[in-house]
């Protein structure tokens, strides 16, 4: 008897779930970063310098 996880569909399902887990972990990290640095949405990862970036 062939198990579902030995089939091509089962393999794709497992790979998709692994990718989803990695995506959710990355989104969690982004949410944590933005919670600590909310201005990063406006200015990027680094804040502009006091002299206007010159």
Protein backbone atom coordinates (compact mmCIF):
# COMPACT_ATOMS: atom_id res chain seq x y z
CA UNK A 1 0.00 0.00 0.00
CA UNK A 2 1.35 3.40 -1.01
CA UNK A 3 1.31 6.01 1.71
CA UNK A 4 0.22 9.58 0.87
CA UNK A 5 3.63 11.00 1.81
CA UNK A 6 5.37 8.71 -0.69
CA UNK A 7 3.37 10.11 -3.58
CA UNK A 8 4.27 13.12 -5.70
CA UNK A 9 1.33 15.00 -4.21
CA UNK A 10 2.45 14.15 -0.69
CA UNK A 11 5.99 15.33 -1.46
CA UNK A 12 4.69 18.62 -2.85
CA UNK A 13 2.44 19.06 0.18
CA UNK A 14 5.32 18.54 2.59
CA UNK A 15 7.57 20.95 0.65
CA UNK A 16 4.80 23.57 0.53
CA UNK A 17 4.24 23.29 4.27
CA UNK A 18 7.97 23.68 4.92
CA UNK A 19 8.07 26.79 2.74
CA UNK A 20 4.99 28.16 4.50
CA UNK A 21 6.67 27.61 7.89
CA UNK A 22 9.79 29.49 6.70
CA UNK A 23 7.64 32.32 5.34
CA UNK A 24 5.72 32.63 8.61
CA UNK A 25 8.98 32.67 10.56
CA UNK A 26 10.33 35.45 8.32
CA UNK A 27 7.12 37.46 8.69
CA UNK A 28 7.35 37.06 12.46
CA UNK A 29 10.90 38.39 12.40
CA UNK A 30 9.80 41.33 10.24
CA UNK A 31 6.92 42.09 12.61
CA UNK A 32 9.30 42.02 15.59
CA UNK A 33 11.74 44.35 13.80
CA UNK A 34 8.99 46.78 12.81
CA UNK A 35 7.67 46.78 16.37
CA UNK A 36 11.11 47.89 17.56
CA UNK A 37 11.73 50.23 14.58
CA UNK A 38 8.41 51.49 13.20
CA UNK A 39 10.04 54.25 11.13
CA UNK A 40 11.81 51.59 9.06
CA UNK A 41 8.68 51.47 6.89
CA UNK A 42 9.28 55.10 5.93
CA UNK A 43 13.05 55.36 5.92
CA UNK A 44 14.29 51.84 5.35
CA UNK A 45 16.55 49.88 7.65
CA UNK A 46 18.66 52.94 8.55
CA UNK A 47 17.39 56.32 9.64
CA UNK A 48 18.41 59.34 7.56
CA UNK A 49 21.34 61.28 8.96
CA UNK A 50 20.83 64.64 10.65
CA UNK A 51 22.31 66.53 7.67
CA UNK A 52 19.79 65.11 5.22
CA UNK A 53 21.85 62.16 4.03
CA UNK A 54 24.73 64.24 2.63
